[in-house]
C-alpha atoms as a PDB file:
ATOM      1  CA  UNK A   1     -39.285  66.262 -39.742  1.00  0.00           C
ATOM      2  CA  UNK A   2     -43.174  65.670 -38.896  1.00  0.00           C
ATOM      3  CA  UNK A   3     -45.624  65.854 -41.243  1.00  0.00           C
ATOM      4  CA  UNK A   4     -49.517  65.195 -40.339  1.00  0.00           C
ATOM      5  CA  UNK A   5     -52.285  65.218 -43.122  1.00  0.00           C
ATOM      6  CA  UNK A   6     -55.510  66.825 -41.783  1.00  0.00           C
ATOM      7  CA  UNK A   7     -59.588  67.042 -42.588  1.00  0.00           C
ATOM      8  CA  UNK A   8     -61.434  69.878 -40.953  1.00  0.00           C
ATOM      9  CA  UNK A   9     -65.003  69.135 -39.507  1.00  0.00           C
ATOM     10  CA  UNK A  10     -68.234  71.635 -39.619  1.00  0.00           C
ATOM     11  CA  UNK A  11     -69.519  73.194 -36.106  1.00  0.00           C
ATOM     12  CA  UNK A  12     -72.649  70.747 -35.973  1.00  0.00           C
ATOM     13  CA  UNK A  13     -75.464  72.925 -36.625  1.00  0.00           C
ATOM     14  CA  UNK A  14     -79.102  72.351 -37.930  1.00  0.00           C
ATOM     15  CA  UNK A  15     -78.375  74.542 -41.168  1.00  0.00           C
ATOM     16  CA  UNK A  16     -77.443  73.231 -44.499  1.00  0.00           C
ATOM     17  CA  UNK A  17     -73.809  74.050 -45.453  1.00  0.00           C
ATOM     18  CA  UNK A  18     -73.055  73.891 -49.337  1.00  0.00           C
ATOM     19  CA  UNK A  19     -70.951  70.523 -50.019  1.00  0.00           C
ATOM     20  CA  UNK A  20     -67.663  71.472 -49.129  1.00  0.00           C
ATOM     21  CA  UNK A  21     -64.139  69.679 -47.876  1.00  0.00           C
ATOM     22  CA  UNK A  22     -61.570  71.450 -46.408  1.00  0.00           C
ATOM     23  CA  UNK A  23     -58.352  68.852 -45.888  1.00  0.00           C
ATOM     24  CA  UNK A  24     -54.404  69.484 -46.207  1.00  0.00           C
ATOM     25  CA  UNK A  25     -51.132  68.835 -44.448  1.00  0.00           C
ATOM     26  CA  UNK A  26     -48.713  70.874 -41.766  1.00  0.00           C
ATOM     27  CA  UNK A  27     -45.111  69.880 -41.185  1.00  0.00           C
ATOM     28  CA  UNK A  28     -42.246  71.333 -39.016  1.00  0.00           C
ATOM     29  CA  UNK A  29     -38.756  70.684 -40.141  1.00  0.00           C
ATOM     30  CA  UNK A  30     -36.161  72.438 -37.537  1.00  0.00           C
ATOM     31  CA  UNK A  31     -37.980  75.539 -37.023  1.00  0.00           C
ATOM     32  CA  UNK A  32     -39.159  75.829 -40.627  1.00  0.00           C
ATOM     33  CA  UNK A  33     -43.421  75.201 -40.896  1.00  0.00           C
ATOM     34  CA  UNK A  34     -44.965  74.595 -43.899  1.00  0.00           C
ATOM     35  CA  UNK A  35     -48.905  74.518 -43.503  1.00  0.00           C
ATOM     36  CA  UNK A  36     -51.002  73.664 -46.958  1.00  0.00           C
ATOM     37  CA  UNK A  37     -54.899  74.199 -47.092  1.00  0.00           C
ATOM     38  CA  UNK A  38     -57.078  72.714 -49.945  1.00  0.00           C
ATOM     39  CA  UNK A  39     -60.430  73.589 -49.902  1.00  0.00           C
ATOM     40  CA  UNK A  40     -62.996  72.079 -52.442  1.00  0.00           C
ATOM     41  CA  UNK A  41     -66.607  71.475 -53.157  1.00  0.00           C
ATOM     42  CA  UNK A  42     -69.380  73.825 -54.615  1.00  0.00           C
ATOM     43  CA  UNK A  43     -66.865  76.976 -54.014  1.00  0.00           C
ATOM     44  CA  UNK A  44     -69.318  79.538 -55.712  1.00  0.00           C
ATOM     45  CA  UNK A  45     -71.655  79.063 -52.787  1.00  0.00           C
ATOM     46  CA  UNK A  46     -69.029  80.966 -50.641  1.00  0.00           C
ATOM     47  CA  UNK A  47     -67.796  84.700 -50.383  1.00  0.00           C
ATOM     48  CA  UNK A  48     -63.615  84.365 -51.343  1.00  0.00           C
ATOM     49  CA  UNK A  49     -62.513  87.928 -51.734  1.00  0.00           C
ATOM     50  CA  UNK A  50     -59.940  88.536 -54.723  1.00  0.00           C
ATOM     51  CA  UNK A  51     -56.333  88.696 -54.006  1.00  0.00           C
ATOM     52  CA  UNK A  52     -54.885  91.885 -53.632  1.00  0.00           C
ATOM     53  CA  UNK A  53     -52.243  93.615 -54.807  1.00  0.00           C
ATOM     54  CA  UNK A  54     -51.149  95.195 -51.533  1.00  0.00           C
ATOM     55  CA  UNK A  55     -51.525  92.220 -48.655  1.00  0.00           C
ATOM     56  CA  UNK A  56     -50.642  93.640 -45.349  1.00  0.00           C
ATOM     57  CA  UNK A  57     -51.408  93.334 -41.827  1.00  0.00           C
ATOM     58  CA  UNK A  58     -55.454  93.829 -41.193  1.00  0.00           C
ATOM     59  CA  UNK A  59     -57.218  92.992 -38.053  1.00  0.00           C
ATOM     60  CA  UNK A  60     -60.890  91.475 -37.783  1.00  0.00           C
ATOM     61  CA  UNK A  61     -60.223  89.110 -40.815  1.00  0.00           C
ATOM     62  CA  UNK A  62     -62.170  86.375 -38.833  1.00  0.00           C
ATOM     63  CA  UNK A  63     -65.510  88.404 -39.999  1.00  0.00           C
ATOM     64  CA  UNK A  64     -64.813  86.989 -43.735  1.00  0.00           C
ATOM     65  CA  UNK A  65     -63.601  83.920 -44.996  1.00  0.00           C
ATOM     66  CA  UNK A  66     -60.346  83.228 -43.077  1.00  0.00           C
ATOM     67  CA  UNK A  67     -57.822  80.645 -42.662  1.00  0.00           C
ATOM     68  CA  UNK A  68     -56.716  80.378 -38.990  1.00  0.00           C
ATOM     69  CA  UNK A  69     -54.067  78.189 -37.242  1.00  0.00           C
ATOM     70  CA  UNK A  70     -53.067  78.263 -33.242  1.00  0.00           C
ATOM     71  CA  UNK A  71     -49.573  77.427 -32.193  1.00  0.00           C
ATOM     72  CA  UNK A  72     -49.284  76.486 -28.580  1.00  0.00           C
ATOM     73  CA  UNK A  73     -46.063  75.578 -26.710  1.00  0.00           C
ATOM     74  CA  UNK A  74     -46.344  72.261 -25.146  1.00  0.00           C
ATOM     75  CA  UNK A  75     -46.550  72.715 -21.228  1.00  0.00           C
ATOM     76  CA  UNK A  76     -47.501  76.155 -21.594  1.00  0.00           C
ATOM     77  CA  UNK A  77     -50.769  77.967 -21.655  1.00  0.00           C
ATOM     78  CA  UNK A  78     -49.501  80.839 -24.541  1.00  0.00           C
ATOM     79  CA  UNK A  79     -50.374  80.481 -27.931  1.00  0.00           C
ATOM     80  CA  UNK A  80     -50.418  82.561 -31.331  1.00  0.00           C
ATOM     81  CA  UNK A  81     -53.353  83.025 -33.563  1.00  0.00           C
ATOM     82  CA  UNK A  82     -52.559  82.966 -37.148  1.00  0.00           C
ATOM     83  CA  UNK A  83     -55.115  84.810 -39.478  1.00  0.00           C
ATOM     84  CA  UNK A  84     -54.786  84.376 -43.279  1.00  0.00           C
ATOM     85  CA  UNK A  85     -57.115  86.285 -45.443  1.00  0.00           C
ATOM     86  CA  UNK A  86     -57.599  84.383 -49.046  1.00  0.00           C
ATOM     87  CA  UNK A  87     -57.099  88.235 -50.075  1.00  0.00           C
ATOM     88  CA  UNK A  88     -53.562  87.754 -48.791  1.00  0.00           C
ATOM     89  CA  UNK A  89     -53.759  90.303 -45.629  1.00  0.00           C
ATOM     90  CA  UNK A  90     -53.077  88.194 -42.851  1.00  0.00           C
ATOM     91  CA  UNK A  91     -51.984  88.906 -38.778  1.00  0.00           C
ATOM     92  CA  UNK A  92     -50.890  87.172 -35.571  1.00  0.00           C
ATOM     93  CA  UNK A  93     -51.678  87.923 -32.537  1.00  0.00           C
ATOM     94  CA  UNK A  94     -49.987  86.484 -29.261  1.00  0.00           C
ATOM     95  CA  UNK A  95     -52.007  85.154 -25.921  1.00  0.00           C
ATOM     96  CA  UNK A  96     -51.261  84.589 -22.331  1.00  0.00           C
ATOM     97  CA  UNK A  97     -53.332  81.959 -21.720  1.00  0.00           C
ATOM     98  CA  UNK A  98     -56.970  80.925 -23.034  1.00  0.00           C
ATOM     99  CA  UNK A  99     -58.264  84.197 -24.712  1.00  0.00           C
ATOM    100  CA  UNK A 100     -56.230  86.271 -22.040  1.00  0.00           C
ATOM    101  CA  UNK A 101     -53.869  88.910 -23.388  1.00  0.00           C
ATOM    102  CA  UNK A 102     -54.157  89.010 -26.580  1.00  0.00           C
ATOM    103  CA  UNK A 103     -51.139  91.336 -28.409  1.00  0.00           C
ATOM    104  CA  UNK A 104     -50.413  91.418 -32.065  1.00  0.00           C
ATOM    105  CA  UNK A 105     -47.076  89.346 -32.834  1.00  0.00           C
ATOM    106  CA  UNK A 106     -44.534  92.139 -33.365  1.00  0.00           C
ATOM    107  CA  UNK A 107     -41.948  89.425 -34.107  1.00  0.00           C
ATOM    108  CA  UNK A 108     -43.176  89.375 -37.975  1.00  0.00           C
ATOM    109  CA  UNK A 109     -43.481  92.160 -40.275  1.00  0.00           C
ATOM    110  CA  UNK A 110     -44.579  89.911 -43.145  1.00  0.00           C
ATOM    111  CA  UNK A 111     -46.591  86.555 -43.699  1.00  0.00           C
ATOM    112  CA  UNK A 112     -45.994  85.814 -46.970  1.00  0.00           C
ATOM    113  CA  UNK A 113     -48.278  82.909 -48.640  1.00  0.00           C
ATOM    114  CA  UNK A 114     -49.202  81.329 -52.158  1.00  0.00           C
ATOM    115  CA  UNK A 115     -52.885  81.102 -52.826  1.00  0.00           C
ATOM    116  CA  UNK A 116     -54.439  79.650 -55.924  1.00  0.00           C
ATOM    117  CA  UNK A 117     -58.212  79.791 -56.844  1.00  0.00           C
ATOM    118  CA  UNK A 118     -59.723  77.677 -59.446  1.00  0.00           C
ATOM    119  CA  UNK A 119     -63.267  77.128 -59.826  1.00  0.00           C
ATOM    120  CA  UNK A 120     -63.855  73.717 -57.587  1.00  0.00           C
ATOM    121  CA  UNK A 121     -60.193  74.307 -55.727  1.00  0.00           C
ATOM    122  CA  UNK A 122     -58.811  76.432 -53.382  1.00  0.00           C
ATOM    123  CA  UNK A 123     -55.261  75.981 -52.390  1.00  0.00           C
ATOM    124  CA  UNK A 124     -53.395  78.204 -49.629  1.00  0.00           C
ATOM    125  CA  UNK A 125     -50.047  77.240 -48.900  1.00  0.00           C
ATOM    126  CA  UNK A 126     -47.720  79.071 -46.274  1.00  0.00           C
ATOM    127  CA  UNK A 127     -44.046  78.492 -45.480  1.00  0.00           C
ATOM    128  CA  UNK A 128     -42.220  80.403 -42.510  1.00  0.00           C
ATOM    129  CA  UNK A 129     -39.684  80.766 -40.293  1.00  0.00           C
ATOM    130  CA  UNK A 130     -40.526  79.946 -36.437  1.00  0.00           C
ATOM    131  CA  UNK A 131     -37.860  81.243 -34.568  1.00  0.00           C
ATOM    132  CA  UNK A 132     -39.192  84.456 -33.829  1.00  0.00           C
ATOM    133  CA  UNK A 133     -41.373  82.526 -31.330  1.00  0.00           C
ATOM    134  CA  UNK A 134     -40.363  79.404 -30.612  1.00  0.00           C
ATOM    135  CA  UNK A 135     -37.667  77.492 -29.623  1.00  0.00           C
ATOM    136  CA  UNK A 136     -36.627  74.316 -32.243  1.00  0.00           C
ATOM    137  CA  UNK A 137     -36.432  72.154 -29.294  1.00  0.00           C
ATOM    138  CA  UNK A 138     -39.641  73.551 -28.123  1.00  0.00           C
ATOM    139  CA  UNK A 139     -42.855  70.880 -28.501  1.00  0.00           C
ATOM    140  CA  UNK A 140     -45.739  72.724 -30.620  1.00  0.00           C
ATOM    141  CA  UNK A 141     -49.733  71.929 -29.937  1.00  0.00           C
ATOM    142  CA  UNK A 142     -51.296  72.825 -33.172  1.00  0.00           C
ATOM    143  CA  UNK A 143     -55.433  73.306 -34.248  1.00  0.00           C
ATOM    144  CA  UNK A 144     -56.284  74.181 -37.447  1.00  0.00           C
ATOM    145  CA  UNK A 145     -58.850  76.429 -38.465  1.00  0.00           C
ATOM    146  CA  UNK A 146     -61.359  77.339 -41.068  1.00  0.00           C
ATOM    147  CA  UNK A 147     -63.705  80.137 -40.685  1.00  0.00           C
ATOM    148  CA  UNK A 148     -66.016  80.136 -44.101  1.00  0.00           C
ATOM    149  CA  UNK A 149     -68.270  83.024 -44.991  1.00  0.00           C
ATOM    150  CA  UNK A 150     -71.192  82.026 -47.644  1.00  0.00           C
ATOM    151  CA  UNK A 151     -72.719  84.276 -49.952  1.00  0.00           C
ATOM    152  CA  UNK A 152     -75.713  84.468 -48.602  1.00  0.00           C
ATOM    153  CA  UNK A 153     -74.069  85.926 -44.918  1.00  0.00           C
ATOM    154  CA  UNK A 154     -74.001  82.731 -42.778  1.00  0.00           C
ATOM    155  CA  UNK A 155     -70.488  81.952 -41.427  1.00  0.00           C
ATOM    156  CA  UNK A 156     -69.681  78.303 -40.658  1.00  0.00           C
ATOM    157  CA  UNK A 157     -66.801  77.218 -38.308  1.00  0.00           C
ATOM    158  CA  UNK A 158     -64.842  74.640 -39.334  1.00  0.00           C
ATOM    159  CA  UNK A 159     -61.745  72.578 -37.465  1.00  0.00           C
ATOM    160  CA  UNK A 160     -59.466  69.503 -36.388  1.00  0.00           C
ATOM    161  CA  UNK A 161     -62.482  69.015 -33.759  1.00  0.00           C
ATOM    162  CA  UNK A 162     -64.938  70.963 -32.206  1.00  0.00           C
ATOM    163  CA  UNK A 163     -64.705  70.378 -27.996  1.00  0.00           C
ATOM    164  CA  UNK A 164     -67.123  72.878 -26.994  1.00  0.00           C
ATOM    165  CA  UNK A 165     -70.813  73.389 -26.573  1.00  0.00           C
ATOM    166  CA  UNK A 166     -70.357  76.556 -29.352  1.00  0.00           C
ATOM    167  CA  UNK A 167     -67.704  77.037 -31.898  1.00  0.00           C
ATOM    168  CA  UNK A 168     -64.586  78.071 -30.180  1.00  0.00           C
ATOM    169  CA  UNK A 169     -61.157  77.856 -31.767  1.00  0.00           C
ATOM    170  CA  UNK A 170     -59.106  79.274 -28.598  1.00  0.00           C
ATOM    171  CA  UNK A 171     -60.015  75.934 -26.600  1.00  0.00           C
ATOM    172  CA  UNK A 172     -56.998  74.136 -25.614  1.00  0.00           C
ATOM    173  CA  UNK A 173     -58.175  70.666 -26.018  1.00  0.00           C
ATOM    174  CA  UNK A 174     -58.264  71.701 -29.454  1.00  0.00           C
ATOM    175  CA  UNK A 175     -54.575  71.907 -30.176  1.00  0.00           C
ATOM    176  CA  UNK A 176     -54.497  68.455 -31.213  1.00  0.00           C
ATOM    177  CA  UNK A 177     -51.504  68.162 -33.822  1.00  0.00           C
ATOM    178  CA  UNK A 178     -47.921  67.642 -32.368  1.00  0.00           C
ATOM    179  CA  UNK A 179     -45.213  69.210 -33.913  1.00  0.00           C
END
């Protein structure tokens, strides 16, 4: 079992950001992956979509508040982008290399996760089986990220680290957690 805690940082900007923290933990046990995000602070400043009664696979979830993570196979260019909306909507994309060959990952037909929204804390927790895309013995490199859309329309980009001159979650140097 490999469990690690994380804390995300906003991309440096001269704009003022609401008082927020994004923390959590990630764990891999065999090919089971557990990931939990906790968003806390001035949540009234954040546009958080209400939970849908019919969560489904959707595109362009990153245009609104969206919790994301990227899984790459160690010593391989291939990686996956996972998008999780507070509304319960989701998607997974497979890439052959840096922003190359983007395709919807068909190994998954659902991606159920739990959302708890309280006045000052939002929690999103996911438990999933990775067997459809990776072998248990393959090492993984992970980037954990979040797009926060503010009520005024501004967007901030949060990650474990920001390696580029612009916010870019796809940079492999940002896949810092090894599982």
